[in-house]
Protein backbone atom coordinates (compact mmCIF):
# COMPACT_ATOMS: atom_id res chain seq x y z
CA MET A 1 24.76 121.39 132.44
CA ILE A 2 23.36 123.33 129.49
CA THR A 3 19.57 123.31 129.65
CA SER A 4 18.45 125.61 126.83
CA PHE A 5 19.43 126.91 123.44
CA LYS A 6 19.03 130.20 121.64
CA LEU A 7 19.88 131.07 118.05
CA TRP A 8 21.75 134.37 117.80
CA SER A 9 20.88 135.78 114.41
CA LEU A 10 23.48 138.27 113.13
CA PRO A 11 23.45 140.66 110.16
CA GLN A 12 24.59 139.04 106.98
CA ALA A 13 28.14 139.87 105.88
CA GLU A 14 30.32 138.53 103.13
CA GLY A 15 33.99 137.65 102.96
CA LEU A 16 36.24 139.34 105.47
CA GLY A 17 33.36 141.12 107.19
CA SER A 18 31.72 137.82 108.15
CA ILE A 19 34.98 136.42 109.50
CA LEU A 20 35.77 139.57 111.49
CA LEU A 21 32.29 139.61 113.01
CA GLN A 22 32.64 136.00 114.11
CA ILE A 23 36.00 136.74 115.66
CA ALA A 24 34.61 139.81 117.43
CA CYS A 25 31.77 137.79 118.91
CA ILE A 26 34.09 135.02 120.04
CA GLU A 27 36.48 137.52 121.63
CA GLU A 28 33.60 139.21 123.43
CA TYR A 29 32.29 135.87 124.62
CA LEU A 30 35.71 134.93 126.01
CA ALA A 31 35.79 138.20 127.93
CA TYR A 32 32.36 137.37 129.37
CA ASN A 33 32.69 133.63 129.87
CA SER A 34 31.64 132.01 133.14
CA THR A 35 32.22 128.47 134.39
CA GLN A 36 28.57 128.44 135.50
CA SER A 37 27.18 128.65 131.95
CA LYS A 38 23.49 127.92 131.71
CA ARG A 39 22.49 128.90 128.20
CA LEU A 40 23.80 128.30 124.72
CA PHE A 41 24.04 130.68 121.80
CA ILE A 42 24.81 129.59 118.24
CA ILE A 43 26.71 132.36 116.48
CA LEU A 44 27.25 131.92 112.74
CA GLY A 45 27.82 128.23 113.25
CA THR A 46 29.97 128.71 116.37
CA VAL A 47 28.54 127.28 119.60
CA LEU A 48 29.18 129.51 122.62
CA PRO A 49 27.81 128.95 126.15
CA THR A 50 26.88 132.06 128.11
CA LYS A 51 25.46 132.89 131.51
CA LYS A 52 22.92 135.66 131.06
CA LYS A 53 20.26 136.49 128.55
CA SER A 54 21.50 140.11 128.46
CA PHE A 55 24.53 138.91 126.50
CA GLN A 56 22.48 139.25 123.33
CA THR A 57 22.16 143.02 123.57
CA GLN A 58 24.99 144.31 125.75
CA ARG A 59 27.70 141.97 124.54
CA PHE A 60 26.59 141.95 120.95
CA ASN A 61 26.88 145.75 120.85
CA LYS A 62 30.43 145.47 122.18
CA ALA A 63 31.15 142.76 119.64
CA LEU A 64 29.99 145.13 116.92
CA GLU A 65 32.39 147.76 118.27
CA ARG A 66 35.21 145.23 117.97
CA TYR A 67 34.03 144.35 114.47
CA ASN A 68 33.88 147.98 113.34
CA GLY A 69 37.39 148.53 114.68
CA CYS A 70 38.63 145.56 112.68
CA VAL A 71 36.94 146.85 109.54
CA ASP A 72 38.49 150.30 110.01
CA MET A 73 41.91 148.67 110.42
CA HIS A 74 41.41 146.61 107.28
CA GLU A 75 40.31 149.63 105.27
CA SER A 76 43.47 151.43 106.34
CA TYR A 77 45.43 148.85 104.32
CA GLN A 78 43.38 149.32 101.14
CA TRP A 79 44.93 152.22 99.25
CA ARG A 80 44.57 153.73 95.80
CA LEU A 81 47.55 153.80 93.47
CA ILE A 82 47.58 156.81 91.13
CA LEU A 83 50.14 157.09 88.33
CA SER A 84 50.16 160.64 86.99
CA GLU A 85 51.47 162.08 83.76
CA PRO A 86 54.40 164.55 83.99
CA SER A 87 52.97 167.93 85.00
CA SER A 88 53.98 171.42 86.07
CA GLY A 89 54.95 172.10 89.65
CA SER A 90 51.81 174.16 90.31
CA TRP A 91 49.53 171.40 89.05
CA ASN A 92 51.37 168.71 91.00
CA MET A 93 51.01 170.62 94.27
CA ALA A 94 47.35 171.39 93.54
CA LEU A 95 46.71 167.68 92.98
CA ASP A 96 48.49 166.69 96.18
CA GLU A 97 46.35 169.10 98.20
CA ALA A 98 43.15 168.01 96.44
CA LEU A 99 43.98 164.41 97.37
CA LEU A 100 44.69 165.48 100.94
CA GLU A 101 41.22 167.03 101.16
CA SER A 102 39.34 164.11 99.59
CA THR A 103 41.22 161.56 101.67
CA SER A 104 40.86 163.43 104.96
CA SER A 105 37.10 163.75 104.41
CA LYS A 106 37.06 160.01 103.56
CA LEU A 107 35.45 160.64 100.20
CA SER A 108 38.43 158.69 98.83
CA PRO A 109 40.60 155.98 100.39
CA PRO A 110 44.25 156.59 101.33
CA SER A 111 46.34 157.18 98.22
CA LEU A 112 49.85 156.61 96.95
CA ARG A 113 50.53 158.85 93.95
CA LEU A 114 53.64 158.55 91.79
CA TYR A 115 54.49 161.38 89.42
CA SER A 116 57.14 163.54 87.75
CA TRP A 117 57.58 167.17 86.74
CA SER A 118 57.66 168.95 83.38
CA PRO A 119 59.26 171.41 82.93
CA PRO A 120 61.92 171.18 85.66
CA CYS A 121 60.73 173.03 88.74
CA VAL A 122 62.14 174.31 92.02
CA SER A 123 59.81 173.77 94.96
CA LEU A 124 60.16 175.89 98.08
CA GLY A 125 59.26 174.76 101.57
CA PHE A 126 56.06 176.28 102.98
CA ALA A 127 57.89 178.96 104.99
CA GLN A 128 61.09 179.25 102.96
CA PRO A 129 62.03 182.81 101.90
CA ILE A 130 61.71 183.48 98.17
CA GLU A 131 64.99 185.42 98.52
CA HIS A 132 66.84 182.10 98.49
CA ILE A 133 66.10 181.89 94.75
CA ASP A 134 67.73 183.84 91.91
CA LEU A 135 64.57 184.34 89.86
CA LYS A 136 66.47 185.78 86.87
CA ARG A 137 68.66 182.67 86.57
CA LEU A 138 65.58 180.51 87.02
CA SER A 139 63.81 182.24 84.13
CA LEU A 140 66.84 181.99 81.83
CA LEU A 141 66.94 178.23 82.38
CA GLY A 142 63.20 177.88 81.73
CA TRP A 143 62.56 176.23 85.11
CA GLY A 144 59.36 176.66 87.06
CA ILE A 145 58.92 177.51 90.72
CA VAL A 146 56.22 176.61 93.24
CA ARG A 147 55.74 176.79 96.98
CA ARG A 148 54.83 173.46 98.60
CA PRO A 149 52.11 172.99 101.23
CA THR A 150 54.75 171.12 103.27
CA GLY A 151 57.79 172.41 105.12
CA GLY A 152 61.46 171.87 104.46
CA ARG A 153 63.87 173.41 101.98
CA ALA A 154 64.27 173.85 98.23
CA ILE A 155 64.33 170.91 95.81
CA LEU A 156 64.94 170.89 92.05
CA HIS A 157 62.47 168.44 90.52
CA THR A 158 63.88 166.98 87.31
CA ASP A 159 64.91 163.47 86.25
CA GLU A 160 63.20 162.03 89.31
CA LEU A 161 60.25 160.09 90.69
CA THR A 162 58.09 161.86 93.26
CA TYR A 163 55.76 160.01 95.61
CA SER A 164 52.92 161.41 97.69
CA VAL A 165 50.97 159.66 100.43
CA THR A 166 47.63 161.02 101.65
CA VAL A 167 45.74 159.45 104.57
CA PRO A 168 43.14 160.65 107.08
CA ALA A 169 44.52 161.89 110.38
CA ASP A 170 43.08 158.89 112.24
CA ASN A 171 44.91 156.35 110.08
CA PRO A 172 46.21 153.87 112.69
CA ASN A 173 49.67 153.68 111.14
CA MET A 174 50.27 157.43 110.90
CA SER A 175 48.07 158.99 113.58
CA GLY A 176 50.97 159.36 116.02
CA SER A 177 53.74 161.92 115.76
CA VAL A 178 55.18 163.39 112.56
CA LEU A 179 58.32 161.32 113.06
CA SER A 180 56.36 158.10 113.55
CA GLY A 181 54.69 158.82 110.20
CA TYR A 182 58.09 159.30 108.57
CA LYS A 183 59.28 156.03 110.07
CA TYR A 184 56.24 154.14 108.79
CA ILE A 185 56.54 155.40 105.21
CA SER A 186 60.30 154.87 105.20
CA GLY A 187 59.57 151.14 105.46
CA GLY A 188 57.92 151.20 102.03
CA LEU A 189 60.67 153.36 100.54
CA VAL A 190 63.43 151.11 101.86
CA SER A 191 61.70 148.03 100.48
CA ALA A 192 61.37 149.66 97.05
CA LEU A 193 65.03 150.67 96.93
CA GLU A 194 66.17 147.23 98.03
CA GLU A 195 64.14 145.72 95.18
CA LEU A 196 66.15 147.92 92.82
CA GLY A 197 69.36 146.58 94.36
CA ALA A 198 70.36 149.52 96.57
CA GLU A 199 71.94 148.95 99.98
CA VAL A 200 70.33 151.68 102.03
CA GLU A 201 70.34 152.92 105.60
CA VAL A 202 67.59 154.73 107.51
CA GLN A 203 68.78 157.68 109.54
CA PRO A 204 68.04 157.61 113.28
CA GLU A 205 65.96 160.30 114.93
CA VAL A 206 68.04 163.48 114.97
CA GLN A 207 67.57 167.05 116.11
CA LEU A 208 68.73 169.62 113.56
CA ASP A 209 69.89 172.97 114.89
CA GLN A 210 68.45 176.21 113.52
CA GLU A 211 71.50 176.95 111.36
CA THR A 212 71.23 173.56 109.65
CA ARG A 213 67.48 173.90 109.16
CA SER A 214 67.94 177.33 107.58
CA GLN A 215 70.15 175.98 104.77
CA PRO A 216 68.38 176.48 101.42
CA VAL A 217 68.87 173.00 99.87
CA CYS A 218 66.86 169.98 101.02
CA PHE A 219 69.48 167.44 99.99
CA GLU A 220 72.31 168.96 102.04
CA ILE A 221 71.46 167.19 105.32
CA PRO A 222 69.38 164.01 105.97
CA SER A 223 66.62 164.36 108.56
CA SER A 224 65.14 161.76 110.92
CA TYR A 225 64.22 158.45 109.23
CA GLU A 226 65.33 159.65 105.81
CA ILE A 227 67.18 157.23 103.57
CA THR A 228 70.87 157.32 102.70
CA VAL A 229 73.36 155.22 100.75
CA ASP A 230 76.97 155.31 101.97
CA GLY A 231 76.01 158.28 104.10
CA LYS A 232 74.58 160.26 101.16
CA LYS A 233 70.96 161.37 101.17
CA LEU A 234 68.89 159.63 98.50
CA ILE A 235 65.28 160.67 99.18
CA GLY A 236 64.08 164.03 100.47
CA SER A 237 60.60 164.12 102.07
CA ALA A 238 58.28 166.60 103.77
CA GLN A 239 55.00 166.22 105.63
CA THR A 240 52.04 168.35 106.66
CA ARG A 241 49.08 167.57 108.91
CA ARG A 242 45.97 169.64 108.48
CA LYS A 243 42.35 169.55 107.31
CA GLY A 244 41.92 166.28 109.19
CA GLY A 245 44.50 164.54 107.03
CA ILE A 246 48.18 163.85 106.47
CA LEU A 247 50.19 164.52 103.32
CA GLN A 248 53.76 163.32 102.90
CA HIS A 249 55.58 163.65 99.62
CA GLY A 250 59.17 163.13 98.63
CA THR A 251 61.56 162.95 95.72
CA LEU A 252 63.95 160.26 94.51
CA PRO A 253 66.51 161.67 92.01
CA LEU A 254 67.10 159.19 89.20
CA ARG A 255 70.13 160.67 87.42
CA GLY A 256 72.04 163.84 86.58
CA ASP A 257 73.96 166.34 88.69
CA ILE A 258 72.35 166.41 92.13
CA ALA A 259 73.78 169.91 92.66
CA ARG A 260 72.03 171.54 89.68
CA ILE A 261 69.76 173.41 92.06
CA CYS A 262 72.72 175.57 93.10
CA GLN A 263 72.54 177.20 89.66
CA VAL A 264 69.42 179.11 90.73
CA LEU A 265 70.17 179.88 94.38
CA ASN A 266 71.47 183.23 95.53
CA TYR A 267 75.12 183.22 96.65
CA GLU A 268 77.60 185.93 97.47
CA ASP A 269 79.72 185.06 94.44
CA GLU A 270 80.49 182.19 92.06
CA ALA A 271 83.13 180.74 94.38
CA HIS A 272 80.50 180.30 97.10
CA ARG A 273 78.14 178.78 94.52
CA GLU A 274 80.70 176.17 93.47
CA ASN A 275 81.60 175.36 97.06
CA ALA A 276 77.93 174.85 97.86
CA ALA A 277 77.45 172.62 94.81
CA GLN A 278 80.42 170.48 95.77
CA GLY A 279 79.02 170.13 99.27
CA VAL A 280 75.69 168.87 97.91
CA ARG A 281 77.48 166.31 95.70
CA GLU A 282 79.34 165.02 98.74
CA ARG A 283 76.18 164.65 100.84
CA ALA A 284 73.54 163.50 98.35
CA SER A 285 73.22 161.07 95.45
CA THR A 286 70.98 159.68 92.69
CA ILE A 287 69.75 156.13 92.23
CA GLU A 288 71.81 155.81 89.03
CA ARG A 289 74.96 156.74 90.89
CA CYS A 290 74.15 154.29 93.69
CA LEU A 291 73.48 151.35 91.38
CA GLY A 292 75.97 152.16 88.62
CA ARG A 293 73.30 151.73 85.95
CA ILE A 294 70.49 153.62 84.23
CA VAL A 295 67.16 153.26 86.01
CA SER A 296 63.95 154.34 84.29
CA TRP A 297 60.98 156.05 85.92
CA ASN A 298 58.79 153.02 85.14
CA GLU A 299 61.23 150.63 86.82
CA VAL A 300 61.31 152.75 89.96
CA ALA A 301 57.51 153.15 89.93
CA GLN A 302 57.10 149.39 89.79
CA ALA A 303 59.54 148.96 92.68
CA MET A 304 57.62 151.56 94.69
CA GLN A 305 54.35 149.72 94.17
CA SER A 306 55.90 146.41 95.18
CA GLY A 307 57.87 147.87 98.08
CA PHE A 308 54.91 149.68 99.64
CA SER A 309 52.66 146.64 99.19
CA LYS A 310 55.08 144.21 100.81
CA ALA A 311 56.58 146.30 103.58
CA LEU A 312 53.37 148.05 104.66
CA ASN A 313 50.98 145.18 103.86
CA LEU A 314 48.94 147.36 101.49
CA GLU A 315 46.40 146.38 98.87
CA LEU A 316 47.12 148.92 96.14
CA THR A 317 44.39 149.35 93.52
CA LEU A 318 45.32 151.24 90.35
CA SER A 319 42.82 154.12 90.17
CA GLN A 320 42.04 157.38 88.46
CA LEU A 321 41.40 160.74 90.06
CA THR A 322 37.75 161.41 90.71
CA GLU A 323 35.96 164.20 88.87
CA GLU A 324 35.62 166.08 92.17
CA GLU A 325 39.36 165.80 92.84
CA ILE A 326 40.19 167.17 89.39
CA LEU A 327 37.79 170.10 89.81
CA ARG A 328 39.20 170.90 93.24
CA ALA A 329 42.77 170.70 91.90
CA ARG A 330 41.85 173.22 89.19
CA GLU A 331 40.54 175.59 91.85
CA LEU A 332 43.71 175.23 93.91
CA TYR A 333 45.86 175.72 90.80
CA GLU A 334 44.06 178.89 89.77
CA ASN A 335 43.69 180.43 93.21
CA ARG A 336 46.84 179.30 95.01
CA TYR A 337 49.64 177.25 93.50
CA GLY A 338 49.64 178.98 90.13
CA THR A 339 49.71 182.49 91.62
CA ILE A 340 52.63 184.82 92.30
CA GLU A 341 51.02 185.78 95.62
CA TRP A 342 51.33 182.23 96.93
CA THR A 343 54.79 181.53 95.54
CA GLU A 344 56.49 184.72 96.68
CA ARG A 345 54.89 185.11 100.08
CA ILE A 346 56.64 184.42 103.41
CA GLN A 347 54.65 182.67 106.13
CA GLU A 348 55.75 183.77 109.58
CA ASN A 349 55.77 181.68 112.75
CA HIS A 350 55.52 178.37 110.90
CA THR A 351 57.31 175.34 112.30
CA ASN A 352 58.86 173.26 109.54
CA PRO A 353 58.53 169.50 109.74
CA PRO A 354 61.68 167.58 108.78
CA GLY A 355 62.45 167.59 105.10
């Protein structure tokens, strides 16, 4: 029989916080419950019997731990959405790294950025040799070149939508392996493409041999959890984990000749160039080719927002870059991504993530 009462006064919280704290307290009570209950606590309107007076301190502290864990989990689903104007390759990579830094330090929430490139630009994987590129041909075409902070192989960025995801390293959905992060993000990409009407497949986990990984073009071979249509690669992605955060970015070609990148790669002769281009056309595609219709950047961007929100249960809030992020991006542009030293260097002993 209950013989006494005690009012458990908790910190005030609004909305979800109040609900989560109630749940945490109830869960902690259930873990502590005894059939020989002698006292009664009233927690935010919920009546809970308990055995010992020490419940108020020891168990409440554990309840707060549960509560804080729930809040962290909830925050992991509240992301920024950033829609950027078309920019040069060097500026785009500087922005992606600035977002990686601000997100990993938790000065900013996780971010989904959607952007494009102007002028067209070839991006090299972090450790990819500059010798893969015919710089004279590149200059004649007026295309830019930049080295990414992520691994993988060369991509020509033109007539496309590029996405980038930045989260802290302890994000519960991406804190596992690199491949588990790919798998998680592929859920949002698949949902977006299905909204556009594409019938897509997600590649299983595969191990690429060294010869395959050394090929210069990203779109030649799909990697683990990348997305294909009728066996042809549709999105090429790459990921890096450093500075306490995770950056994954990838490209969805909208239209045009998917093999245009072969125009600026070094080959033994023109016959080898054409053979390589034909191979890329057979293994990769664009969204226009998949759907048989013209698809605008805005339409794809809207599908990406919807797809990520639904498939990953995200609350995307349209946001602007912070002043600190812009200043940091300028520093990275001037001192790294806009420099010849960065672009033409070769980083030894670097293990490429899939891409």
